[in-house]
Amino acid sequence: MKKIIILLALVFAFVAFSVAALVILIPLIYPKALPKAALAQLLVAPPPPPTPESPSPDSPIVIAMCKAHPDYLVISSVDAVGNIEHKTDVIYPDYAMSHRIQGTVVMFAAIDENGSVVDLIYSSGNDLLKGAALDGVRHYKYKPFLINGKPTGVITTIHFVFNLGL
């Protein structure tokens, strides 16, 4: 009697495993077995995460920054990144790290003729990451931006990315 129960259990396990394997393998081997909607859902990659949009040059933040620093030129963030001389280490906020919060903080910076950040305004990004990004970027040092050989103050957008490498 014991042998029959063990044999039935083995047969049941084999059948259950075989059915599960068929349910998984049939759509892979024979895609027409799945409805088109289900197949499309399986084969489509998830959309990429949204990229932070740079605010337009006529946004209120840029206008306010330009009024505060009328002699400064507005340059792209790409040009500014090429002139970074020294970055300070930014401490990932404990709460954000423990809750796996990632994202990009967008800020506007006014950088003087010596390459020091003299004004910094938060534009967008996760509020839990904002403080750390502002504190870190405030201490960045840039090579002077030269226009016709003369150091010039600039206004630019800075995208600070917090990534846990997950």
C-alpha atoms as a PDB file:
ATOM      1  CA  MET A   1       0.000   0.000   0.000  1.00  0.00           C
ATOM      2  CA  LYS A   2       2.842   2.375   0.899  1.00  0.00           C
ATOM      3  CA  LYS A   3       4.545   1.665  -2.450  1.00  0.00           C
ATOM      4  CA  ILE A   4       1.340   2.497  -4.338  1.00  0.00           C
ATOM      5  CA  ILE A   5       0.997   5.836  -2.543  1.00  0.00           C
ATOM      6  CA  ILE A   6       4.628   6.727  -3.284  1.00  0.00           C
ATOM      7  CA  LEU A   7       4.187   5.677  -6.920  1.00  0.00           C
ATOM      8  CA  LEU A   8       0.994   7.760  -7.254  1.00  0.00           C
ATOM      9  CA  ALA A   9       2.734  10.764  -5.664  1.00  0.00           C
ATOM     10  CA  LEU A  10       5.623  10.433  -8.126  1.00  0.00           C
ATOM     11  CA  VAL A  11       3.243  10.115 -11.078  1.00  0.00           C
ATOM     12  CA  PHE A  12       1.270  13.134  -9.880  1.00  0.00           C
ATOM     13  CA  ALA A  13       4.457  15.201  -9.433  1.00  0.00           C
ATOM     14  CA  PHE A  14       5.674  14.187 -12.908  1.00  0.00           C
ATOM     15  CA  VAL A  15       2.336  15.089 -14.506  1.00  0.00           C
ATOM     16  CA  ALA A  16       2.144  18.410 -12.669  1.00  0.00           C
ATOM     17  CA  PHE A  17       5.719  19.260 -13.665  1.00  0.00           C
ATOM     18  CA  SER A  18       5.057  18.258 -17.266  1.00  0.00           C
ATOM     19  CA  VAL A  19       1.909  20.375 -17.485  1.00  0.00           C
ATOM     20  CA  ALA A  20       3.732  23.382 -15.987  1.00  0.00           C
ATOM     21  CA  ALA A  21       6.622  22.888 -18.397  1.00  0.00           C
ATOM     22  CA  LEU A  22       4.223  22.693 -21.340  1.00  0.00           C
ATOM     23  CA  VAL A  23       2.383  25.833 -20.258  1.00  0.00           C
ATOM     24  CA  ILE A  24       5.721  27.668 -20.180  1.00  0.00           C
ATOM     25  CA  LEU A  25       7.377  26.061 -23.200  1.00  0.00           C
ATOM     26  CA  ILE A  26       4.521  25.926 -25.718  1.00  0.00           C
ATOM     27  CA  PRO A  27       4.330  29.708 -26.222  1.00  0.00           C
ATOM     28  CA  LEU A  28       8.104  29.818 -26.626  1.00  0.00           C
ATOM     29  CA  ILE A  29       8.229  26.944 -29.092  1.00  0.00           C
ATOM     30  CA  TYR A  30       4.972  27.729 -30.873  1.00  0.00           C
ATOM     31  CA  PRO A  31       4.123  31.444 -30.498  1.00  0.00           C
ATOM     32  CA  LYS A  32       0.841  31.093 -32.394  1.00  0.00           C
ATOM     33  CA  ALA A  33      -0.521  29.184 -29.375  1.00  0.00           C
ATOM     34  CA  LEU A  34      -0.861  32.458 -27.470  1.00  0.00           C
ATOM     35  CA  PRO A  35      -3.392  35.141 -28.279  1.00  0.00           C
ATOM     36  CA  LYS A  36      -1.720  38.050 -30.090  1.00  0.00           C
ATOM     37  CA  ALA A  37      -2.394  40.486 -27.250  1.00  0.00           C
ATOM     38  CA  ALA A  38      -0.723  38.202 -24.708  1.00  0.00           C
ATOM     39  CA  LEU A  39       2.241  37.593 -27.015  1.00  0.00           C
ATOM     40  CA  ALA A  40       2.663  41.302 -27.646  1.00  0.00           C
ATOM     41  CA  GLN A  41       2.660  41.947 -23.917  1.00  0.00           C
ATOM     42  CA  LEU A  42       5.345  39.305 -23.354  1.00  0.00           C
ATOM     43  CA  LEU A  43       7.632  40.488 -26.139  1.00  0.00           C
ATOM     44  CA  VAL A  44       7.477  44.250 -25.614  1.00  0.00           C
ATOM     45  CA  ALA A  45      10.221  45.748 -23.458  1.00  0.00           C
ATOM     46  CA  PRO A  46       9.084  48.086 -20.720  1.00  0.00           C
ATOM     47  CA  PRO A  47       9.373  51.769 -21.590  1.00  0.00           C
ATOM     48  CA  PRO A  48      12.580  53.487 -20.513  1.00  0.00           C
ATOM     49  CA  PRO A  49      12.414  55.678 -17.432  1.00  0.00           C
ATOM     50  CA  PRO A  50      11.510  59.257 -18.232  1.00  0.00           C
ATOM     51  CA  THR A  51      14.444  61.576 -18.757  1.00  0.00           C
ATOM     52  CA  PRO A  52      14.339  64.851 -16.913  1.00  0.00           C
ATOM     53  CA  GLU A  53      13.485  67.687 -19.206  1.00  0.00           C
ATOM     54  CA  SER A  54      15.592  70.790 -19.104  1.00  0.00           C
ATOM     55  CA  PRO A  55      13.444  73.811 -18.472  1.00  0.00           C
ATOM     56  CA  SER A  56      13.278  76.182 -21.394  1.00  0.00           C
ATOM     57  CA  PRO A  57      15.455  79.319 -21.441  1.00  0.00           C
ATOM     58  CA  ASP A  58      12.336  81.443 -20.997  1.00  0.00           C
ATOM     59  CA  SER A  59      11.224  79.660 -17.832  1.00  0.00           C
ATOM     60  CA  PRO A  60      10.703  81.872 -14.767  1.00  0.00           C
ATOM     61  CA  ILE A  61      13.715  80.319 -13.020  1.00  0.00           C
ATOM     62  CA  VAL A  62      16.100  81.146 -15.878  1.00  0.00           C
ATOM     63  CA  ILE A  63      14.681  84.652 -16.216  1.00  0.00           C
ATOM     64  CA  ALA A  64      15.110  85.267 -12.465  1.00  0.00           C
ATOM     65  CA  MET A  65      18.652  83.909 -12.573  1.00  0.00           C
ATOM     66  CA  CYS A  66      19.505  86.146 -15.555  1.00  0.00           C
ATOM     67  CA  LYS A  67      18.081  89.200 -13.780  1.00  0.00           C
ATOM     68  CA  ALA A  68      20.185  88.413 -10.702  1.00  0.00           C
ATOM     69  CA  HIS A  69      23.318  87.971 -12.854  1.00  0.00           C
ATOM     70  CA  PRO A  70      22.854  90.212 -15.924  1.00  0.00           C
ATOM     71  CA  ASP A  71      26.472  89.914 -17.151  1.00  0.00           C
ATOM     72  CA  TYR A  72      26.456  86.096 -17.147  1.00  0.00           C
ATOM     73  CA  LEU A  73      25.998  84.037 -20.305  1.00  0.00           C
ATOM     74  CA  VAL A  74      23.563  81.121 -20.465  1.00  0.00           C
ATOM     75  CA  ILE A  75      25.335  77.933 -21.593  1.00  0.00           C
ATOM     76  CA  SER A  76      24.255  74.330 -22.058  1.00  0.00           C
ATOM     77  CA  SER A  77      24.725  71.727 -19.364  1.00  0.00           C
ATOM     78  CA  VAL A  78      26.932  69.762 -21.780  1.00  0.00           C
ATOM     79  CA  ASP A  79      29.379  72.672 -22.017  1.00  0.00           C
ATOM     80  CA  ALA A  80      29.378  73.097 -18.238  1.00  0.00           C
ATOM     81  CA  VAL A  81      30.132  69.425 -17.543  1.00  0.00           C
ATOM     82  CA  GLY A  82      33.295  69.716 -19.636  1.00  0.00           C
ATOM     83  CA  ASN A  83      34.609  72.438 -17.318  1.00  0.00           C
ATOM     84  CA  ILE A  84      34.122  70.677 -13.978  1.00  0.00           C
ATOM     85  CA  GLU A  85      37.438  70.796 -12.164  1.00  0.00           C
ATOM     86  CA  HIS A  86      36.428  69.394  -8.766  1.00  0.00           C
ATOM     87  CA  LYS A  87      33.321  67.506  -7.645  1.00  0.00           C
ATOM     88  CA  THR A  88      32.531  66.998  -3.992  1.00  0.00           C
ATOM     89  CA  ASP A  89      31.231  63.655  -2.827  1.00  0.00           C
ATOM     90  CA  VAL A  90      27.504  63.777  -2.310  1.00  0.00           C
ATOM     91  CA  ILE A  91      26.138  61.727   0.561  1.00  0.00           C
ATOM     92  CA  TYR A  92      23.163  59.651  -0.557  1.00  0.00           C
ATOM     93  CA  PRO A  93      20.332  60.410   1.904  1.00  0.00           C
ATOM     94  CA  ASP A  94      19.834  57.458   4.272  1.00  0.00           C
ATOM     95  CA  TYR A  95      16.057  57.369   3.903  1.00  0.00           C
ATOM     96  CA  ALA A  96      16.263  57.532   0.107  1.00  0.00           C
ATOM     97  CA  MET A  97      18.873  54.773   0.051  1.00  0.00           C
ATOM     98  CA  SER A  98      16.953  52.472   2.401  1.00  0.00           C
ATOM     99  CA  HIS A  99      13.810  52.936   0.289  1.00  0.00           C
ATOM    100  CA  ARG A 100      15.750  52.556  -2.979  1.00  0.00           C
ATOM    101  CA  ILE A 101      14.775  55.984  -4.221  1.00  0.00           C
ATOM    102  CA  GLN A 102      16.696  57.026  -7.314  1.00  0.00           C
ATOM    103  CA  GLY A 103      16.335  59.905  -9.713  1.00  0.00           C
ATOM    104  CA  THR A 104      17.702  63.083 -11.176  1.00  0.00           C
ATOM    105  CA  VAL A 105      17.668  66.467  -9.497  1.00  0.00           C
ATOM    106  CA  VAL A 106      17.727  69.412 -11.909  1.00  0.00           C
ATOM    107  CA  MET A 107      19.166  72.716 -10.721  1.00  0.00           C
ATOM    108  CA  PHE A 108      20.177  76.036 -12.213  1.00  0.00           C
ATOM    109  CA  ALA A 109      23.585  77.363 -11.259  1.00  0.00           C
ATOM    110  CA  ALA A 110      25.312  80.677 -11.647  1.00  0.00           C
ATOM    111  CA  ILE A 111      29.067  80.157 -11.879  1.00  0.00           C
ATOM    112  CA  ASP A 112      31.323  83.182 -11.483  1.00  0.00           C
ATOM    113  CA  GLU A 113      34.479  84.125 -13.398  1.00  0.00           C
ATOM    114  CA  ASN A 114      36.614  82.073 -10.985  1.00  0.00           C
ATOM    115  CA  GLY A 115      34.562  78.883 -11.482  1.00  0.00           C
ATOM    116  CA  SER A 116      32.745  78.980  -8.133  1.00  0.00           C
ATOM    117  CA  VAL A 117      29.029  78.277  -7.826  1.00  0.00           C
ATOM    118  CA  VAL A 118      27.588  81.546  -6.507  1.00  0.00           C
ATOM    119  CA  ASP A 119      23.878  80.901  -6.933  1.00  0.00           C
ATOM    120  CA  LEU A 120      21.950  77.631  -7.082  1.00  0.00           C
ATOM    121  CA  ILE A 121      18.219  77.140  -7.596  1.00  0.00           C
ATOM    122  CA  TYR A 122      16.363  73.825  -7.429  1.00  0.00           C
ATOM    123  CA  SER A 123      14.181  73.162 -10.467  1.00  0.00           C
ATOM    124  CA  SER A 124      12.870  69.594 -10.323  1.00  0.00           C
ATOM    125  CA  GLY A 125      13.454  66.121  -8.944  1.00  0.00           C
ATOM    126  CA  ASN A 126      12.619  64.049  -5.901  1.00  0.00           C
ATOM    127  CA  ASP A 127      12.338  66.173  -2.750  1.00  0.00           C
ATOM    128  CA  LEU A 128      14.151  63.502  -0.713  1.00  0.00           C
ATOM    129  CA  LEU A 129      17.216  63.883  -2.963  1.00  0.00           C
ATOM    130  CA  LYS A 130      17.050  67.658  -3.379  1.00  0.00           C
ATOM    131  CA  GLY A 131      18.984  68.694  -0.260  1.00  0.00           C
ATOM    132  CA  ALA A 132      21.907  66.364  -0.863  1.00  0.00           C
ATOM    133  CA  ALA A 133      22.179  67.439  -4.504  1.00  0.00           C
ATOM    134  CA  LEU A 134      22.126  71.140  -3.627  1.00  0.00           C
ATOM    135  CA  ASP A 135      24.713  70.670  -0.856  1.00  0.00           C
ATOM    136  CA  GLY A 136      27.044  68.734  -3.126  1.00  0.00           C
ATOM    137  CA  VAL A 137      26.798  70.934  -6.214  1.00  0.00           C
ATOM    138  CA  ARG A 138      27.207  74.106  -4.141  1.00  0.00           C
ATOM    139  CA  HIS A 139      30.844  73.051  -3.565  1.00  0.00           C
ATOM    140  CA  TYR A 140      31.683  72.156  -7.187  1.00  0.00           C
ATOM    141  CA  LYS A 141      34.605  74.004  -8.704  1.00  0.00           C
ATOM    142  CA  TYR A 142      34.773  74.750 -12.430  1.00  0.00           C
ATOM    143  CA  LYS A 143      37.583  75.851 -14.707  1.00  0.00           C
ATOM    144  CA  PRO A 144      36.879  79.460 -15.659  1.00  0.00           C
ATOM    145  CA  PHE A 145      34.658  79.755 -18.732  1.00  0.00           C
ATOM    146  CA  LEU A 146      36.610  81.702 -21.318  1.00  0.00           C
ATOM    147  CA  ILE A 147      34.879  83.885 -23.897  1.00  0.00           C
ATOM    148  CA  ASN A 148      37.377  85.506 -26.266  1.00  0.00           C
ATOM    149  CA  GLY A 149      40.095  84.603 -23.761  1.00  0.00           C
ATOM    150  CA  LYS A 150      38.373  86.407 -20.889  1.00  0.00           C
ATOM    151  CA  PRO A 151      36.887  84.553 -17.861  1.00  0.00           C
ATOM    152  CA  THR A 152      33.127  84.963 -17.874  1.00  0.00           C
ATOM    153  CA  GLY A 153      30.336  84.130 -15.457  1.00  0.00           C
ATOM    154  CA  VAL A 154      27.761  81.649 -16.755  1.00  0.00           C
ATOM    155  CA  ILE A 155      24.317  80.291 -15.966  1.00  0.00           C
ATOM    156  CA  THR A 156      23.695  76.631 -16.682  1.00  0.00           C
ATOM    157  CA  THR A 157      21.514  73.648 -15.874  1.00  0.00           C
ATOM    158  CA  ILE A 158      22.974  70.867 -13.725  1.00  0.00           C
ATOM    159  CA  HIS A 159      21.477  67.379 -13.748  1.00  0.00           C
ATOM    160  CA  PHE A 160      22.560  65.453 -10.662  1.00  0.00           C
ATOM    161  CA  VAL A 161      21.772  61.724 -10.919  1.00  0.00           C
ATOM    162  CA  PHE A 162      21.248  59.561  -7.854  1.00  0.00           C
ATOM    163  CA  ASN A 163      21.646  55.914  -8.848  1.00  0.00           C
ATOM    164  CA  LEU A 164      21.946  52.909  -6.564  1.00  0.00           C
ATOM    165  CA  GLY A 165      23.280  50.752  -9.387  1.00  0.00           C
ATOM    166  CA  LEU A 166      20.429  48.252  -9.051  1.00  0.00           C
END
